[in-house]
N, C-alpha and C. Protein backbone atom coordinates (compact mmCIF):
# COMPACT_ATOMS: atom_id res chain seq x y z
N MET A 1 -89.61 201.39 243.32
CA MET A 1 -89.29 200.38 242.34
C MET A 1 -90.54 199.59 242.02
N ASN A 2 -90.87 199.45 240.74
CA ASN A 2 -92.01 198.66 240.31
C ASN A 2 -91.55 197.27 239.93
N ILE A 3 -92.38 196.27 240.23
CA ILE A 3 -92.07 194.89 239.92
C ILE A 3 -93.11 194.36 238.95
N LEU A 4 -92.67 193.71 237.87
CA LEU A 4 -93.57 193.11 236.90
C LEU A 4 -93.59 191.61 237.16
N ALA A 5 -94.77 191.04 237.34
CA ALA A 5 -94.91 189.60 237.58
C ALA A 5 -95.33 188.92 236.28
N VAL A 6 -94.69 187.80 235.98
CA VAL A 6 -95.03 187.00 234.80
C VAL A 6 -95.80 185.78 235.28
N VAL A 7 -96.95 185.48 234.65
CA VAL A 7 -97.84 184.46 235.20
C VAL A 7 -97.73 183.07 234.56
N PRO A 8 -97.72 182.89 233.23
CA PRO A 8 -97.77 181.53 232.68
C PRO A 8 -96.53 180.69 233.01
N VAL A 9 -96.70 179.36 233.04
CA VAL A 9 -95.61 178.44 233.37
C VAL A 9 -94.95 177.95 232.08
N PHE A 10 -93.62 178.00 232.05
CA PHE A 10 -92.88 177.54 230.88
C PHE A 10 -91.43 177.30 231.29
N ASP A 11 -90.80 176.29 230.74
CA ASP A 11 -89.40 175.98 231.04
C ASP A 11 -88.50 176.74 230.06
N LEU A 12 -87.85 177.79 230.55
CA LEU A 12 -87.01 178.62 229.69
C LEU A 12 -85.68 177.95 229.35
N ASN A 13 -85.34 176.86 230.02
CA ASN A 13 -84.09 176.17 229.72
C ASN A 13 -84.09 175.58 228.31
N THR A 14 -85.26 175.45 227.71
CA THR A 14 -85.35 174.90 226.36
C THR A 14 -85.05 175.95 225.29
N ILE A 15 -84.98 177.22 225.68
CA ILE A 15 -84.71 178.31 224.73
C ILE A 15 -83.40 178.98 225.13
N SER A 16 -82.36 178.80 224.31
CA SER A 16 -81.04 179.32 224.67
C SER A 16 -81.00 180.85 224.67
N GLN A 17 -81.78 181.50 223.82
CA GLN A 17 -81.76 182.96 223.75
C GLN A 17 -82.40 183.62 224.97
N ALA A 18 -83.15 182.87 225.76
CA ALA A 18 -83.81 183.45 226.94
C ALA A 18 -82.80 183.88 228.00
N MET A 19 -81.61 183.31 227.98
CA MET A 19 -80.60 183.66 228.97
C MET A 19 -79.69 184.80 228.53
N LEU A 20 -79.84 185.25 227.29
CA LEU A 20 -79.01 186.36 226.80
C LEU A 20 -79.52 187.69 227.33
N PRO A 21 -78.62 188.61 227.68
CA PRO A 21 -79.06 189.92 228.16
C PRO A 21 -79.74 190.73 227.05
N VAL A 22 -80.61 191.64 227.46
CA VAL A 22 -81.30 192.52 226.52
C VAL A 22 -80.88 193.94 226.84
N LYS A 23 -80.46 194.69 225.80
CA LYS A 23 -79.97 196.05 226.00
C LYS A 23 -80.61 196.97 224.97
N GLU A 24 -81.02 198.14 225.41
CA GLU A 24 -81.63 199.14 224.52
C GLU A 24 -80.99 200.49 224.81
N LEU A 25 -80.66 201.23 223.77
CA LEU A 25 -80.03 202.54 223.90
C LEU A 25 -80.82 203.55 223.06
N LYS A 26 -81.23 204.64 223.69
CA LYS A 26 -81.98 205.69 222.99
C LYS A 26 -81.32 207.03 223.28
N THR A 27 -81.21 207.87 222.25
CA THR A 27 -80.69 209.23 222.39
C THR A 27 -81.70 210.19 221.80
N LYS A 28 -81.95 211.29 222.51
CA LYS A 28 -82.91 212.28 222.02
C LYS A 28 -82.30 213.67 222.16
N ASN A 29 -82.40 214.45 221.08
CA ASN A 29 -81.98 215.85 221.12
C ASN A 29 -83.14 216.68 221.63
N LEU A 30 -82.88 217.51 222.63
CA LEU A 30 -83.93 218.34 223.22
C LEU A 30 -83.95 219.71 222.56
N GLY A 31 -85.15 220.27 222.44
CA GLY A 31 -85.31 221.59 221.85
C GLY A 31 -85.61 221.50 220.36
N ILE A 32 -85.67 222.67 219.73
CA ILE A 32 -85.90 222.74 218.29
C ILE A 32 -84.63 223.26 217.61
N ILE A 33 -84.62 223.30 216.31
CA ILE A 33 -83.41 223.53 215.52
C ILE A 33 -82.54 224.69 216.01
N LEU A 34 -83.10 225.85 216.19
CA LEU A 34 -82.29 227.01 216.61
C LEU A 34 -82.12 227.10 218.12
N PHE A 35 -82.90 226.35 218.87
CA PHE A 35 -82.85 226.42 220.33
C PHE A 35 -82.57 225.04 220.92
N ARG A 36 -81.48 224.44 220.52
CA ARG A 36 -81.11 223.12 221.04
C ARG A 36 -80.63 223.25 222.49
N HIS A 37 -81.07 222.30 223.31
CA HIS A 37 -80.65 222.27 224.72
C HIS A 37 -79.62 221.17 224.97
N GLY A 38 -79.31 220.38 223.97
CA GLY A 38 -78.39 219.26 224.14
C GLY A 38 -79.12 217.94 223.97
N LYS A 39 -78.45 216.87 224.36
CA LYS A 39 -79.07 215.56 224.18
C LYS A 39 -79.09 214.77 225.48
N VAL A 40 -80.03 213.84 225.54
CA VAL A 40 -80.16 212.93 226.67
C VAL A 40 -80.07 211.51 226.12
N THR A 41 -79.23 210.70 226.74
CA THR A 41 -79.06 209.31 226.33
C THR A 41 -79.49 208.41 227.48
N VAL A 42 -80.31 207.42 227.16
CA VAL A 42 -80.79 206.46 228.16
C VAL A 42 -80.42 205.06 227.68
N GLU A 43 -79.78 204.30 228.56
CA GLU A 43 -79.42 202.92 228.27
C GLU A 43 -80.07 202.03 229.32
N CYS A 44 -80.87 201.07 228.88
CA CYS A 44 -81.53 200.13 229.80
C CYS A 44 -81.09 198.72 229.44
N GLU A 45 -80.93 197.90 230.48
CA GLU A 45 -80.48 196.53 230.26
C GLU A 45 -81.11 195.60 231.29
N THR A 46 -81.50 194.42 230.82
CA THR A 46 -81.92 193.35 231.73
C THR A 46 -80.88 192.24 231.60
N PRO A 47 -80.56 191.55 232.69
CA PRO A 47 -79.51 190.54 232.63
C PRO A 47 -79.87 189.32 231.78
N GLN A 48 -81.15 189.13 231.50
CA GLN A 48 -81.59 188.02 230.65
C GLN A 48 -82.84 188.44 229.90
N GLY A 49 -83.17 187.70 228.85
CA GLY A 49 -84.30 188.06 228.02
C GLY A 49 -85.59 187.36 228.38
N GLY A 50 -85.52 186.26 229.10
CA GLY A 50 -86.71 185.50 229.46
C GLY A 50 -86.84 185.34 230.96
N TYR A 51 -88.06 185.32 231.43
CA TYR A 51 -88.33 185.21 232.86
C TYR A 51 -89.43 184.19 233.11
N VAL A 52 -89.39 183.56 234.27
CA VAL A 52 -90.40 182.57 234.67
C VAL A 52 -91.34 183.20 235.69
N PRO A 53 -92.50 182.59 235.93
CA PRO A 53 -93.46 183.16 236.88
C PRO A 53 -92.84 183.39 238.26
N GLY A 54 -93.10 184.55 238.81
CA GLY A 54 -92.61 184.90 240.14
C GLY A 54 -91.21 185.48 240.15
N GLU A 55 -90.52 185.43 239.05
CA GLU A 55 -89.15 185.95 239.00
C GLU A 55 -89.18 187.47 238.83
N MET A 56 -88.37 188.16 239.60
CA MET A 56 -88.32 189.62 239.53
C MET A 56 -87.53 190.06 238.29
N VAL A 57 -88.08 191.04 237.58
CA VAL A 57 -87.42 191.59 236.40
C VAL A 57 -86.65 192.83 236.84
N VAL A 58 -85.32 192.75 236.80
CA VAL A 58 -84.47 193.86 237.22
C VAL A 58 -84.04 194.62 235.96
N ILE A 59 -84.27 195.93 235.97
CA ILE A 59 -83.88 196.78 234.85
C ILE A 59 -82.78 197.72 235.34
N ASN A 60 -81.60 197.60 234.75
CA ASN A 60 -80.51 198.52 235.05
C ASN A 60 -80.57 199.66 234.04
N ALA A 61 -80.65 200.89 234.53
CA ALA A 61 -80.77 202.04 233.64
C ALA A 61 -79.67 203.05 233.93
N ARG A 62 -79.16 203.64 232.85
CA ARG A 62 -78.16 204.69 232.96
C ARG A 62 -78.63 205.86 232.12
N VAL A 63 -78.70 207.03 232.73
CA VAL A 63 -79.15 208.24 232.04
C VAL A 63 -77.98 209.21 231.96
N ILE A 64 -77.65 209.65 230.75
CA ILE A 64 -76.59 210.63 230.54
C ILE A 64 -77.26 211.90 230.05
N ASN A 65 -77.23 212.93 230.87
CA ASN A 65 -77.89 214.19 230.55
C ASN A 65 -76.84 215.20 230.08
N ASP A 66 -76.69 215.31 228.76
CA ASP A 66 -75.78 216.29 228.18
C ASP A 66 -76.54 217.52 227.71
N SER A 67 -77.64 217.82 228.39
CA SER A 67 -78.45 218.99 228.02
C SER A 67 -78.38 220.03 229.13
N SER A 68 -78.93 221.19 228.85
CA SER A 68 -78.97 222.26 229.85
C SER A 68 -80.24 222.19 230.69
N LYS A 69 -81.08 221.20 230.46
CA LYS A 69 -82.34 221.04 231.20
C LYS A 69 -82.21 219.92 232.23
N ASP A 70 -82.93 220.08 233.35
CA ASP A 70 -82.98 219.03 234.37
C ASP A 70 -83.98 217.95 233.95
N ILE A 71 -83.68 216.71 234.31
CA ILE A 71 -84.62 215.62 234.08
C ILE A 71 -85.51 215.52 235.31
N ILE A 72 -86.81 215.68 235.10
CA ILE A 72 -87.76 215.69 236.22
C ILE A 72 -88.30 214.30 236.49
N LYS A 73 -88.58 213.53 235.42
CA LYS A 73 -89.21 212.23 235.60
C LYS A 73 -88.72 211.29 234.51
N VAL A 74 -88.54 210.02 234.88
CA VAL A 74 -88.18 208.97 233.92
C VAL A 74 -89.26 207.90 233.98
N ILE A 75 -89.78 207.52 232.82
CA ILE A 75 -90.80 206.48 232.74
C ILE A 75 -90.21 205.31 231.97
N VAL A 76 -90.31 204.10 232.53
CA VAL A 76 -89.83 202.89 231.87
C VAL A 76 -91.03 202.08 231.43
N GLN A 77 -91.04 201.67 230.18
CA GLN A 77 -92.13 200.86 229.66
C GLN A 77 -91.54 199.54 229.17
N MET A 78 -92.07 198.45 229.66
CA MET A 78 -91.61 197.14 229.23
C MET A 78 -92.64 196.55 228.28
N VAL A 79 -92.19 196.12 227.12
CA VAL A 79 -93.07 195.53 226.12
C VAL A 79 -92.77 194.04 226.03
N MET A 80 -93.80 193.23 226.12
CA MET A 80 -93.63 191.79 226.06
C MET A 80 -93.80 191.31 224.62
N PHE A 81 -92.79 190.62 224.12
CA PHE A 81 -92.86 189.99 222.81
C PHE A 81 -93.11 188.51 223.02
N ILE A 82 -94.10 187.98 222.35
CA ILE A 82 -94.45 186.57 222.52
C ILE A 82 -94.12 185.84 221.22
N SER A 83 -93.36 184.77 221.35
CA SER A 83 -93.10 183.93 220.19
C SER A 83 -93.51 182.51 220.55
N GLY A 84 -94.03 181.81 219.59
CA GLY A 84 -94.53 180.47 219.89
C GLY A 84 -93.65 179.38 219.29
N LEU A 85 -93.53 178.31 220.02
CA LEU A 85 -92.82 177.13 219.56
C LEU A 85 -93.80 175.97 219.60
N SER A 86 -93.80 175.16 218.58
CA SER A 86 -94.71 174.02 218.60
C SER A 86 -94.10 172.87 217.83
N THR A 87 -94.57 171.69 218.15
CA THR A 87 -94.20 170.50 217.39
C THR A 87 -95.50 169.80 217.03
N CYS A 88 -95.49 169.13 215.91
CA CYS A 88 -96.70 168.40 215.53
C CYS A 88 -96.30 167.15 214.76
N THR A 89 -97.20 166.22 214.75
CA THR A 89 -97.03 164.99 213.99
C THR A 89 -98.12 164.95 212.94
N LEU A 90 -97.75 164.67 211.73
CA LEU A 90 -98.71 164.62 210.64
C LEU A 90 -98.96 163.16 210.27
N THR A 91 -100.20 162.75 210.31
CA THR A 91 -100.58 161.39 209.95
C THR A 91 -101.50 161.46 208.74
N LEU A 92 -101.12 160.77 207.69
CA LEU A 92 -101.94 160.74 206.48
C LEU A 92 -102.73 159.44 206.44
N ILE A 93 -104.02 159.54 206.20
CA ILE A 93 -104.88 158.36 206.10
C ILE A 93 -105.50 158.36 204.71
N PHE A 94 -105.27 157.28 203.97
CA PHE A 94 -105.85 157.15 202.63
C PHE A 94 -106.92 156.08 202.67
N GLU A 95 -108.02 156.35 202.02
CA GLU A 95 -109.09 155.36 201.90
C GLU A 95 -109.28 155.02 200.43
N ALA A 96 -109.42 153.76 200.15
CA ALA A 96 -109.69 153.33 198.77
C ALA A 96 -111.17 153.49 198.49
N VAL A 97 -111.51 154.09 197.36
CA VAL A 97 -112.92 154.31 197.02
C VAL A 97 -113.35 153.30 195.99
């Protein structure tokens, strides 16, 4: 089992979507047109979408092999999407010329 560590500090309680689960489903047909071997479906899910530093990222995966071929290896790739939130105050200064 591989563990991904997240380093920067941020309070995820301020973002409501960070607590929502993330789910991805992919299906692939194996073989070529006349020599189909069937399809493989992979479903991956994390219980939440945001993580804080030091928190373990658990990925639940389900593989459905409806093909005639054995699955030898499964590779999981996690992609980090970064979105920024900011607040600012605008102060206008006018000078008489």
